[in-house]
Every structure is written in structure tokens, then in C-alpha cells.
Amino acid sequence: MNKENLLNFWSRIRKYVTNKYLVVSVVFAVVFMFCGNQSLVKRIRNAREISVKEERLREYKEKIQDVSVDLRALEDPDSLERYAREHYHMHADDEDVYLIKE
């Protein structure tokens, strides 16, 4: 940029830069967006965190439903015995257990 273009540019923006209402508005907008506890940046970050936590809550509720279904199934003594045999390799005293690993 040469000197003439620079002076021309300054003459066009001088009325905006010297306008006290515009300067105060810009300063207020910057403070509002980046400073303080209620800043726009923190609000966006908190909104993202809330959505992540709501997703976790939904997953935990689904897990609770699955576990409660399993719990209701294990109230029957026969199914409890079958579950113990399958998952914990338990057996009665007169039985032999053979584990086949693939």
C-alpha cells in the first residue's frame, strides 16, 4: 500500500473509529464474548458438556434397564444356577467341569 491509499483508507474509517458509541459497543461485545463467568465461550463449552453428560445418562439408564431384566431373570433358582455355572464355572460336588478354550 502506498501512502495515498493509506490516507484514503484512514479518512474512510476515521468517522467509525472516533464514534464513541461504536467503540463502546465493540468493547462491550468483546467483554461479553470472552470475559467473565457468563461469557459466550463458557456458555458454549458448558452446553457441549451438558450434551455429553446427557448422553452418558441415557447410556446408564439403558444399562440399568438391562441389568434389571437380568436381575428379574435371576430370581428363579434354576436360572440363577445356570448363570453361576456359565459365568463363574461353578459345579456341584458330584460333577466334573470341562472347559474348552478356542
PDB file of N, CA and C in Angstrom:
ATOM      1  N   MET A   1       0.839  -1.184   0.000  1.00  0.00           N
ATOM      2  CA  MET A   1       0.000   0.000   0.000  1.00  0.00           C
ATOM      3  C   MET A   1       0.881   1.243   0.000  1.00  0.00           C
ATOM      4  N   ASN A   2       0.523   2.117  -0.853  1.00  0.00           N
ATOM      5  CA  ASN A   2       1.285   3.354  -0.845  1.00  0.00           C
ATOM      6  C   ASN A   2       0.645   4.340   0.129  1.00  0.00           C
ATOM      7  N   LYS A   3       1.277   5.465   0.281  1.00  0.00           N
ATOM      8  CA  LYS A   3       0.855   6.446   1.279  1.00  0.00           C
ATOM      9  C   LYS A   3      -0.507   7.032   0.960  1.00  0.00           C
ATOM     10  N   GLU A   4      -0.801   7.231  -0.296  1.00  0.00           N
ATOM     11  CA  GLU A   4      -2.087   7.821  -0.694  1.00  0.00           C
ATOM     12  C   GLU A   4      -3.238   6.872  -0.378  1.00  0.00           C
ATOM     13  N   ASN A   5      -3.056   5.593  -0.655  1.00  0.00           N
ATOM     14  CA  ASN A   5      -4.098   4.609  -0.344  1.00  0.00           C
ATOM     15  C   ASN A   5      -4.313   4.498   1.164  1.00  0.00           C
ATOM     16  N   LEU A   6      -3.245   4.568   1.908  1.00  0.00           N
ATOM     17  CA  LEU A   6      -3.348   4.501   3.359  1.00  0.00           C
ATOM     18  C   LEU A   6      -4.113   5.698   3.910  1.00  0.00           C
ATOM     19  N   LEU A   7      -3.831   6.871   3.418  1.00  0.00           N
ATOM     20  CA  LEU A   7      -4.556   8.072   3.856  1.00  0.00           C
ATOM     21  C   LEU A   7      -6.020   8.007   3.442  1.00  0.00           C
ATOM     22  N   ASN A   8      -6.288   7.497   2.281  1.00  0.00           N
ATOM     23  CA  ASN A   8      -7.657   7.356   1.812  1.00  0.00           C
ATOM     24  C   ASN A   8      -8.423   6.362   2.697  1.00  0.00           C
ATOM     25  N   PHE A   9      -7.764   5.253   3.033  1.00  0.00           N
ATOM     26  CA  PHE A   9      -8.374   4.267   3.918  1.00  0.00           C
ATOM     27  C   PHE A   9      -8.659   4.863   5.291  1.00  0.00           C
ATOM     28  N   TRP A  10      -7.698   5.594   5.841  1.00  0.00           N
ATOM     29  CA  TRP A  10      -7.875   6.194   7.160  1.00  0.00           C
ATOM     30  C   TRP A  10      -8.992   7.229   7.143  1.00  0.00           C
ATOM     31  N   SER A  11      -9.112   7.990   6.075  1.00  0.00           N
ATOM     32  CA  SER A  11     -10.159   9.004   6.009  1.00  0.00           C
ATOM     33  C   SER A  11     -11.543   8.353   5.966  1.00  0.00           C
ATOM     34  N   ARG A  12     -11.635   7.158   5.375  1.00  0.00           N
ATOM     35  CA  ARG A  12     -12.927   6.466   5.333  1.00  0.00           C
ATOM     36  C   ARG A  12     -13.296   5.845   6.679  1.00  0.00           C
ATOM     37  N   ILE A  13     -12.338   5.321   7.426  1.00  0.00           N
ATOM     38  CA  ILE A  13     -12.690   4.647   8.680  1.00  0.00           C
ATOM     39  C   ILE A  13     -12.587   5.555   9.896  1.00  0.00           C
ATOM     40  N   ARG A  14     -12.066   6.768   9.738  1.00  0.00           N
ATOM     41  CA  ARG A  14     -11.885   7.665  10.885  1.00  0.00           C
ATOM     42  C   ARG A  14     -13.211   7.988  11.556  1.00  0.00           C
ATOM     43  N   LYS A  15     -14.272   8.179  10.785  1.00  0.00           N
ATOM     44  CA  LYS A  15     -15.555   8.530  11.379  1.00  0.00           C
ATOM     45  C   LYS A  15     -16.105   7.378  12.227  1.00  0.00           C
ATOM     46  N   TYR A  16     -15.752   6.120  11.884  1.00  0.00           N
ATOM     47  CA  TYR A  16     -16.209   4.984  12.679  1.00  0.00           C
ATOM     48  C   TYR A  16     -15.350   4.782  13.924  1.00  0.00           C
ATOM     49  N   VAL A  17     -14.065   4.970  13.779  1.00  0.00           N
ATOM     50  CA  VAL A  17     -13.149   4.774  14.904  1.00  0.00           C
ATOM     51  C   VAL A  17     -13.359   5.844  15.965  1.00  0.00           C
ATOM     52  N   THR A  18     -13.696   7.042  15.566  1.00  0.00           N
ATOM     53  CA  THR A  18     -13.882   8.133  16.531  1.00  0.00           C
ATOM     54  C   THR A  18     -15.302   8.188  17.082  1.00  0.00           C
ATOM     55  N   ASN A  19     -16.191   7.361  16.598  1.00  0.00           N
ATOM     56  CA  ASN A  19     -17.559   7.324  17.112  1.00  0.00           C
ATOM     57  C   ASN A  19     -17.552   6.610  18.463  1.00  0.00           C
ATOM     58  N   LYS A  20     -17.853   7.350  19.522  1.00  0.00           N
ATOM     59  CA  LYS A  20     -17.747   6.780  20.870  1.00  0.00           C
ATOM     60  C   LYS A  20     -18.769   5.671  21.105  1.00  0.00           C
ATOM     61  N   TYR A  21     -19.925   5.751  20.491  1.00  0.00           N
ATOM     62  CA  TYR A  21     -20.946   4.724  20.682  1.00  0.00           C
ATOM     63  C   TYR A  21     -20.522   3.408  20.041  1.00  0.00           C
ATOM     64  N   LEU A  22     -19.907   3.484  18.886  1.00  0.00           N
ATOM     65  CA  LEU A  22     -19.434   2.281  18.224  1.00  0.00           C
ATOM     66  C   LEU A  22     -18.286   1.642  19.001  1.00  0.00           C
ATOM     67  N   VAL A  23     -17.384   2.473  19.511  1.00  0.00           N
ATOM     68  CA  VAL A  23     -16.245   1.959  20.273  1.00  0.00           C
ATOM     69  C   VAL A  23     -16.730   1.258  21.541  1.00  0.00           C
ATOM     70  N   VAL A  24     -17.663   1.888  22.248  1.00  0.00           N
ATOM     71  CA  VAL A  24     -18.203   1.284  23.470  1.00  0.00           C
ATOM     72  C   VAL A  24     -18.943  -0.009  23.147  1.00  0.00           C
ATOM     73  N   SER A  25     -19.674  -0.021  22.056  1.00  0.00           N
ATOM     74  CA  SER A  25     -20.403  -1.234  21.670  1.00  0.00           C
ATOM     75  C   SER A  25     -19.447  -2.375  21.341  1.00  0.00           C
ATOM     76  N   VAL A  26     -18.364  -2.085  20.638  1.00  0.00           N
ATOM     77  CA  VAL A  26     -17.386  -3.115  20.300  1.00  0.00           C
ATOM     78  C   VAL A  26     -16.699  -3.635  21.555  1.00  0.00           C
ATOM     79  N   VAL A  27     -16.333  -2.731  22.453  1.00  0.00           N
ATOM     80  CA  VAL A  27     -15.700  -3.151  23.711  1.00  0.00           C
ATOM     81  C   VAL A  27     -16.661  -4.011  24.521  1.00  0.00           C
ATOM     82  N   PHE A  28     -17.927  -3.612  24.592  1.00  0.00           N
ATOM     83  CA  PHE A  28     -18.924  -4.397  25.315  1.00  0.00           C
ATOM     84  C   PHE A  28     -19.074  -5.788  24.693  1.00  0.00           C
ATOM     85  N   ALA A  29     -19.104  -5.843  23.362  1.00  0.00           N
ATOM     86  CA  ALA A  29     -19.254  -7.138  22.693  1.00  0.00           C
ATOM     87  C   ALA A  29     -18.063  -8.044  22.979  1.00  0.00           C
ATOM     88  N   VAL A  30     -16.870  -7.493  22.975  1.00  0.00           N
ATOM     89  CA  VAL A  30     -15.674  -8.291  23.259  1.00  0.00           C
ATOM     90  C   VAL A  30     -15.689  -8.788  24.699  1.00  0.00           C
ATOM     91  N   VAL A  31     -16.043  -7.918  25.622  1.00  0.00           N
ATOM     92  CA  VAL A  31     -16.116  -8.318  27.034  1.00  0.00           C
ATOM     93  C   VAL A  31     -17.191  -9.369  27.221  1.00  0.00           C
ATOM     94  N   PHE A  32     -18.322  -9.185  26.575  1.00  0.00           N
ATOM     95  CA  PHE A  32     -19.425 -10.138  26.696  1.00  0.00           C
ATOM     96  C   PHE A  32     -19.029 -11.511  26.153  1.00  0.00           C
ATOM     97  N   MET A  33     -18.273 -11.535  25.062  1.00  0.00           N
ATOM     98  CA  MET A  33     -17.949 -12.815  24.432  1.00  0.00           C
ATOM     99  C   MET A  33     -16.804 -13.554  25.107  1.00  0.00           C
ATOM    100  N   PHE A  34     -15.854 -12.847  25.701  1.00  0.00           N
ATOM    101  CA  PHE A  34     -14.643 -13.529  26.156  1.00  0.00           C
ATOM    102  C   PHE A  34     -14.329 -13.400  27.638  1.00  0.00           C
ATOM    103  N   CYS A  35     -14.975 -12.540  28.372  1.00  0.00           N
ATOM    104  CA  CYS A  35     -14.612 -12.317  29.774  1.00  0.00           C
ATOM    105  C   CYS A  35     -15.765 -12.671  30.693  1.00  0.00           C
ATOM    106  N   GLY A  36     -15.430 -13.022  31.925  1.00  0.00           N
ATOM    107  CA  GLY A  36     -16.436 -13.239  32.946  1.00  0.00           C
ATOM    108  C   GLY A  36     -16.933 -14.662  33.011  1.00  0.00           C
ATOM    109  N   ASN A  37     -17.758 -14.911  34.032  1.00  0.00           N
ATOM    110  CA  ASN A  37     -18.301 -16.249  34.257  1.00  0.00           C
ATOM    111  C   ASN A  37     -19.410 -16.603  33.275  1.00  0.00           C
ATOM    112  N   GLN A  38     -20.097 -15.621  32.740  1.00  0.00           N
ATOM    113  CA  GLN A  38     -21.204 -15.866  31.829  1.00  0.00           C
ATOM    114  C   GLN A  38     -20.825 -15.568  30.384  1.00  0.00           C
ATOM    115  N   SER A  39     -19.573 -15.729  30.030  1.00  0.00           N
ATOM    116  CA  SER A  39     -19.119 -15.401  28.684  1.00  0.00           C
ATOM    117  C   SER A  39     -19.694 -16.382  27.672  1.00  0.00           C
ATOM    118  N   LEU A  40     -19.705 -15.948  26.452  1.00  0.00           N
ATOM    119  CA  LEU A  40     -20.246 -16.767  25.376  1.00  0.00           C
ATOM    120  C   LEU A  40     -19.423 -18.033  25.182  1.00  0.00           C
ATOM    121  N   VAL A  41     -18.131 -17.928  25.326  1.00  0.00           N
ATOM    122  CA  VAL A  41     -17.256 -19.087  25.177  1.00  0.00           C
ATOM    123  C   VAL A  41     -17.569 -20.130  26.252  1.00  0.00           C
ATOM    124  N   LYS A  42     -17.737 -19.693  27.483  1.00  0.00           N
ATOM    125  CA  LYS A  42     -18.042 -20.634  28.567  1.00  0.00           C
ATOM    126  C   LYS A  42     -19.430 -21.235  28.400  1.00  0.00           C
ATOM    127  N   ARG A  43     -20.369 -20.459  27.891  1.00  0.00           N
ATOM    128  CA  ARG A  43     -21.710 -20.994  27.661  1.00  0.00           C
ATOM    129  C   ARG A  43     -21.679 -22.101  26.615  1.00  0.00           C
ATOM    130  N   ILE A  44     -20.917 -21.899  25.555  1.00  0.00           N
ATOM    131  CA  ILE A  44     -20.811 -22.924  24.517  1.00  0.00           C
ATOM    132  C   ILE A  44     -20.138 -24.171  25.079  1.00  0.00           C
ATOM    133  N   ARG A  45     -19.073 -23.980  25.852  1.00  0.00           N
ATOM    134  CA  ARG A  45     -18.370 -25.114  26.458  1.00  0.00           C
ATOM    135  C   ARG A  45     -19.300 -25.869  27.408  1.00  0.00           C
ATOM    136  N   ASN A  46     -20.070 -25.140  28.208  1.00  0.00           N
ATOM    137  CA  ASN A  46     -20.988 -25.793  29.143  1.00  0.00           C
ATOM    138  C   ASN A  46     -22.104 -26.527  28.406  1.00  0.00           C
ATOM    139  N   ALA A  47     -22.583 -25.958  27.310  1.00  0.00           N
ATOM    140  CA  ALA A  47     -23.631 -26.631  26.540  1.00  0.00           C
ATOM    141  C   ALA A  47     -23.124 -27.941  25.971  1.00  0.00           C
ATOM    142  N   ARG A  48     -21.879 -27.952  25.487  1.00  0.00           N
ATOM    143  CA  ARG A  48     -21.287 -29.193  24.993  1.00  0.00           C
ATOM    144  C   ARG A  48     -21.146 -30.215  26.112  1.00  0.00           C
ATOM    145  N   GLU A  49     -20.697 -29.761  27.269  1.00  0.00           N
ATOM    146  CA  GLU A  49     -20.527 -30.664  28.414  1.00  0.00           C
ATOM    147  C   GLU A  49     -21.867 -31.238  28.853  1.00  0.00           C
ATOM    148  N   ILE A  50     -22.906 -30.420  28.839  1.00  0.00           N
ATOM    149  CA  ILE A  50     -24.237 -30.896  29.211  1.00  0.00           C
ATOM    150  C   ILE A  50     -24.708 -31.969  28.238  1.00  0.00           C
ATOM    151  N   SER A  51     -24.480 -31.763  26.948  1.00  0.00           N
ATOM    152  CA  SER A  51     -24.923 -32.767  25.984  1.00  0.00           C
ATOM    153  C   SER A  51     -24.167 -34.084  26.165  1.00  0.00           C
ATOM    154  N   VAL A  52     -22.883 -34.013  26.490  1.00  0.00           N
ATOM    155  CA  VAL A  52     -22.109 -35.233  26.743  1.00  0.00           C
ATOM    156  C   VAL A  52     -22.645 -35.946  27.978  1.00  0.00           C
ATOM    157  N   LYS A  53     -22.930 -35.192  29.020  1.00  0.00           N
ATOM    158  CA  LYS A  53     -23.430 -35.813  30.248  1.00  0.00           C
ATOM    159  C   LYS A  53     -24.834 -36.380  30.062  1.00  0.00           C
ATOM    160  N   GLU A  54     -25.665 -35.726  29.249  1.00  0.00           N
ATOM    161  CA  GLU A  54     -26.988 -36.283  28.972  1.00  0.00           C
ATOM    162  C   GLU A  54     -26.867 -37.593  28.193  1.00  0.00           C
ATOM    163  N   GLU A  55     -25.900 -37.675  27.304  1.00  0.00           N
ATOM    164  CA  GLU A  55     -25.664 -38.914  26.560  1.00  0.00           C
ATOM    165  C   GLU A  55     -25.220 -40.028  27.516  1.00  0.00           C
ATOM    166  N   ARG A  56     -24.322 -39.708  28.430  1.00  0.00           N
ATOM    167  CA  ARG A  56     -23.901 -40.704  29.435  1.00  0.00           C
ATOM    168  C   ARG A  56     -25.077 -41.148  30.291  1.00  0.00           C
ATOM    169  N   LEU A  57     -25.920 -40.198  30.676  1.00  0.00           N
ATOM    170  CA  LEU A  57     -27.085 -40.522  31.486  1.00  0.00           C
ATOM    171  C   LEU A  57     -28.001 -41.484  30.740  1.00  0.00           C
ATOM    172  N   ARG A  58     -28.193 -41.242  29.449  1.00  0.00           N
ATOM    173  CA  ARG A  58     -29.025 -42.133  28.645  1.00  0.00           C
ATOM    174  C   ARG A  58     -28.408 -43.533  28.578  1.00  0.00           C
ATOM    175  N   GLU A  59     -27.093 -43.595  28.407  1.00  0.00           N
ATOM    176  CA  GLU A  59     -26.421 -44.904  28.368  1.00  0.00           C
ATOM    177  C   GLU A  59     -26.564 -45.624  29.706  1.00  0.00           C
ATOM    178  N   TYR A  60     -26.394 -44.892  30.807  1.00  0.00           N
ATOM    179  CA  TYR A  60     -26.527 -45.519  32.124  1.00  0.00           C
ATOM    180  C   TYR A  60     -27.946 -46.012  32.364  1.00  0.00           C
ATOM    181  N   LYS A  61     -28.939 -45.264  31.907  1.00  0.00           N
ATOM    182  CA  LYS A  61     -30.326 -45.713  32.067  1.00  0.00           C
ATOM    183  C   LYS A  61     -30.569 -46.986  31.273  1.00  0.00           C
ATOM    184  N   GLU A  62     -29.971 -47.071  30.070  1.00  0.00           N
ATOM    185  CA  GLU A  62     -30.105 -48.302  29.291  1.00  0.00           C
ATOM    186  C   GLU A  62     -29.435 -49.477  30.003  1.00  0.00           C
ATOM    187  N   LYS A  63     -28.257 -49.236  30.591  1.00  0.00           N
ATOM    188  CA  LYS A  63     -27.568 -50.300  31.327  1.00  0.00           C
ATOM    189  C   LYS A  63     -28.388 -50.738  32.534  1.00  0.00           C
ATOM    190  N   ILE A  64     -28.992 -49.782  33.216  1.00  0.00           N
ATOM    191  CA  ILE A  64     -29.823 -50.113  34.379  1.00  0.00           C
ATOM    192  C   ILE A  64     -31.004 -50.969  33.947  1.00  0.00           C
ATOM    193  N   GLN A  65     -31.611 -50.640  32.808  1.00  0.00           N
ATOM    194  CA  GLN A  65     -32.714 -51.461  32.309  1.00  0.00           C
ATOM    195  C   GLN A  65     -32.245 -52.881  32.002  1.00  0.00           C
ATOM    196  N   ASP A  66     -31.101 -53.002  31.336  1.00  0.00           N
ATOM    197  CA  ASP A  66     -30.586 -54.333  31.015  1.00  0.00           C
ATOM    198  C   ASP A  66     -30.293 -55.137  32.276  1.00  0.00           C
ATOM    199  N   VAL A  67     -29.683 -54.504  33.257  1.00  0.00           N
ATOM    200  CA  VAL A  67     -29.340 -55.199  34.492  1.00  0.00           C
ATOM    201  C   VAL A  67     -30.598 -55.577  35.263  1.00  0.00           C
ATOM    202  N   SER A  68     -31.605 -54.711  35.244  1.00  0.00           N
ATOM    203  CA  SER A  68     -32.830 -55.056  35.970  1.00  0.00           C
ATOM    204  C   SER A  68     -33.542 -56.224  35.301  1.00  0.00           C
ATOM    205  N   VAL A  69     -33.466 -56.332  33.974  1.00  0.00           N
ATOM    206  CA  VAL A  69     -34.035 -57.500  33.289  1.00  0.00           C
ATOM    207  C   VAL A  69     -33.277 -58.748  33.693  1.00  0.00           C
ATOM    208  N   ASP A  70     -31.948 -58.668  33.725  1.00  0.00           N
ATOM    209  CA  ASP A  70     -31.144 -59.815  34.160  1.00  0.00           C
ATOM    210  C   ASP A  70     -31.445 -60.182  35.613  1.00  0.00           C
ATOM    211  N   LEU A  71     -31.631 -59.177  36.451  1.00  0.00           N
ATOM    212  CA  LEU A  71     -31.922 -59.428  37.862  1.00  0.00           C
ATOM    213  C   LEU A  71     -33.251 -60.150  38.022  1.00  0.00           C
ATOM    214  N   ARG A  72     -34.262 -59.717  37.254  1.00  0.00           N
ATOM    215  CA  ARG A  72     -35.552 -60.400  37.327  1.00  0.00           C
ATOM    216  C   ARG A  72     -35.428 -61.848  36.844  1.00  0.00           C
ATOM    217  N   ALA A  73     -34.567 -62.060  35.848  1.00  0.00           N
ATOM    218  CA  ALA A  73     -34.372 -63.429  35.345  1.00  0.00           C
ATOM    219  C   ALA A  73     -33.658 -64.284  36.372  1.00  0.00           C
ATOM    220  N   LEU A  74     -32.792 -63.697  37.180  1.00  0.00           N
ATOM    221  CA  LEU A  74     -32.029 -64.471  38.166  1.00  0.00           C
ATOM    222  C   LEU A  74     -32.800 -64.732  39.460  1.00  0.00           C
ATOM    223  N   GLU A  75     -34.008 -64.221  39.564  1.00  0.00           N
ATOM    224  CA  GLU A  75     -34.798 -64.501  40.761  1.00  0.00           C
ATOM    225  C   GLU A  75     -35.234 -65.966  40.802  1.00  0.00           C
ATOM    226  N   ASP A  76     -35.314 -66.596  39.652  1.00  0.00           N
ATOM    227  CA  ASP A  76     -35.659 -68.010  39.574  1.00  0.00           C
ATOM    228  C   ASP A  76     -34.420 -68.831  39.951  1.00  0.00           C
ATOM    229  N   PRO A  77     -34.522 -69.791  40.885  1.00  0.00           N
ATOM    230  CA  PRO A  77     -33.340 -70.564  41.319  1.00  0.00           C
ATOM    231  C   PRO A  77     -32.672 -71.353  40.193  1.00  0.00           C
ATOM    232  N   ASP A  78     -33.461 -71.877  39.248  1.00  0.00           N
ATOM    233  CA  ASP A  78     -32.867 -72.650  38.156  1.00  0.00           C
ATOM    234  C   ASP A  78     -32.024 -71.749  37.244  1.00  0.00           C
ATOM    235  N   SER A  79     -32.528 -70.577  36.936  1.00  0.00           N
ATOM    236  CA  SER A  79     -31.759 -69.681  36.067  1.00  0.00           C
ATOM    237  C   SER A  79     -30.547 -69.115  36.809  1.00  0.00           C
ATOM    238  N   LEU A  80     -30.659 -68.933  38.119  1.00  0.00           N
ATOM    239  CA  LEU A  80     -29.514 -68.488  38.910  1.00  0.00           C
ATOM    240  C   LEU A  80     -28.410 -69.545  38.891  1.00  0.00           C
ATOM    241  N   GLU A  81     -28.801 -70.775  39.016  1.00  0.00           N
ATOM    242  CA  GLU A  81     -27.827 -71.870  38.980  1.00  0.00           C
ATOM    243  C   GLU A  81     -27.162 -71.952  37.599  1.00  0.00           C
ATOM    244  N   ARG A  82     -27.941 -71.828  36.538  1.00  0.00           N
ATOM    245  CA  ARG A  82     -27.397 -71.870  35.187  1.00  0.00           C
ATOM    246  C   ARG A  82     -26.439 -70.698  34.964  1.00  0.00           C
ATOM    247  N   TYR A  83     -26.787 -69.522  35.453  1.00  0.00           N
ATOM    248  CA  TYR A  83     -25.927 -68.344  35.302  1.00  0.00           C
ATOM    249  C   TYR A  83     -24.594 -68.550  36.038  1.00  0.00           C
ATOM    250  N   ALA A  84     -24.665 -69.090  37.246  1.00  0.00           N
ATOM    251  CA  ALA A  84     -23.448 -69.340  38.017  1.00  0.00           C
ATOM    252  C   ALA A  84     -22.565 -70.377  37.320  1.00  0.00           C
ATOM    253  N   ARG A  85     -23.166 -71.385  36.748  1.00  0.00           N
ATOM    254  CA  ARG A  85     -22.392 -72.408  36.044  1.00  0.00           C
ATOM    255  C   ARG A  85     -21.712 -71.815  34.805  1.00  0.00           C
ATOM    256  N   GLU A  86     -22.434 -70.987  34.054  1.00  0.00           N
ATOM    257  CA  GLU A  86     -21.891 -70.454  32.800  1.00  0.00           C
ATOM    258  C   GLU A  86     -20.828 -69.385  33.028  1.00  0.00           C
ATOM    259  N   HIS A  87     -21.075 -68.501  33.967  1.00  0.00           N
ATOM    260  CA  HIS A  87     -20.189 -67.345  34.108  1.00  0.00           C
ATOM    261  C   HIS A  87     -19.081 -67.534  35.146  1.00  0.00           C
ATOM    262  N   TYR A  88     -19.325 -68.324  36.146  1.00  0.00           N
ATOM    263  CA  TYR A  88     -18.333 -68.475  37.209  1.00  0.00           C
ATOM    264  C   TYR A  88     -17.782 -69.892  37.302  1.00  0.00           C
ATOM    265  N   HIS A  89     -18.150 -70.734  36.347  1.00  0.00           N
ATOM    266  CA  HIS A  89     -17.656 -72.112  36.257  1.00  0.00           C
ATOM    267  C   HIS A  89     -17.865 -72.879  37.567  1.00  0.00           C
ATOM    268  N   MET A  90     -18.996 -72.678  38.182  1.00  0.00           N
ATOM    269  CA  MET A  90     -19.320 -73.400  39.407  1.00  0.00           C
ATOM    270  C   MET A  90     -19.937 -74.757  39.043  1.00  0.00           C
ATOM    271  N   HIS A  91     -19.834 -75.681  39.957  1.00  0.00           N
ATOM    272  CA  HIS A  91     -20.400 -77.004  39.723  1.00  0.00           C
ATOM    273  C   HIS A  91     -20.779 -77.632  41.054  1.00  0.00           C
ATOM    274  N   ALA A  92     -21.575 -78.657  40.955  1.00  0.00           N
ATOM    275  CA  ALA A  92     -21.959 -79.403  42.151  1.00  0.00           C
ATOM    276  C   ALA A  92     -20.810 -80.324  42.529  1.00  0.00           C
ATOM    277  N   ASP A  93     -20.874 -80.889  43.748  1.00  0.00           N
ATOM    278  CA  ASP A  93     -19.784 -81.729  44.235  1.00  0.00           C
ATOM    279  C   ASP A  93     -19.587 -82.996  43.410  1.00  0.00           C
ATOM    280  N   ASP A  94     -20.658 -83.538  42.872  1.00  0.00           N
ATOM    281  CA  ASP A  94     -20.544 -84.799  42.145  1.00  0.00           C
ATOM    282  C   ASP A  94     -20.394 -84.604  40.631  1.00  0.00           C
ATOM    283  N   GLU A  95     -20.098 -83.388  40.176  1.00  0.00           N
ATOM    284  CA  GLU A  95     -19.961 -83.119  38.747  1.00  0.00           C
ATOM    285  C   GLU A  95     -18.519 -82.777  38.389  1.00  0.00           C
ATOM    286  N   ASP A  96     -18.175 -83.035  37.161  1.00  0.00           N
ATOM    287  CA  ASP A  96     -16.877 -82.627  36.620  1.00  0.00           C
ATOM    288  C   ASP A  96     -17.132 -81.531  35.589  1.00  0.00           C
ATOM    289  N   VAL A  97     -16.273 -80.526  35.587  1.00  0.00           N
ATOM    290  CA  VAL A  97     -16.417 -79.417  34.641  1.00  0.00           C
ATOM    291  C   VAL A  97     -15.266 -79.473  33.666  1.00  0.00           C
ATOM    292  N   TYR A  98     -15.583 -79.411  32.394  1.00  0.00           N
ATOM    293  CA  TYR A  98     -14.564 -79.374  31.349  1.00  0.00           C
ATOM    294  C   TYR A  98     -14.686 -78.046  30.619  1.00  0.00           C
ATOM    295  N   LEU A  99     -13.600 -77.290  30.624  1.00  0.00           N
ATOM    296  CA  LEU A  99     -13.568 -76.007  29.937  1.00  0.00           C
ATOM    297  C   LEU A  99     -12.849 -76.193  28.606  1.00  0.00           C
ATOM    298  N   ILE A 100     -13.502 -75.789  27.550  1.00  0.00           N
ATOM    299  CA  ILE A 100     -12.937 -75.901  26.215  1.00  0.00           C
ATOM    300  C   ILE A 100     -12.607 -74.499  25.737  1.00  0.00           C
ATOM    301  N   LYS A 101     -11.310 -74.273  25.554  1.00  0.00           N
ATOM    302  CA  LYS A 101     -10.879 -72.954  25.082  1.00  0.00           C
ATOM    303  C   LYS A 101     -10.588 -73.034  23.591  1.00  0.00           C
ATOM    304  N   GLU A 102     -11.034 -72.024  22.876  1.00  0.00           N
ATOM    305  CA  GLU A 102     -10.818 -71.993  21.434  1.00  0.00           C
ATOM    306  C   GLU A 102      -9.504 -71.323  21.112  1.00  0.00           C
TER     307      GLU A 102
END
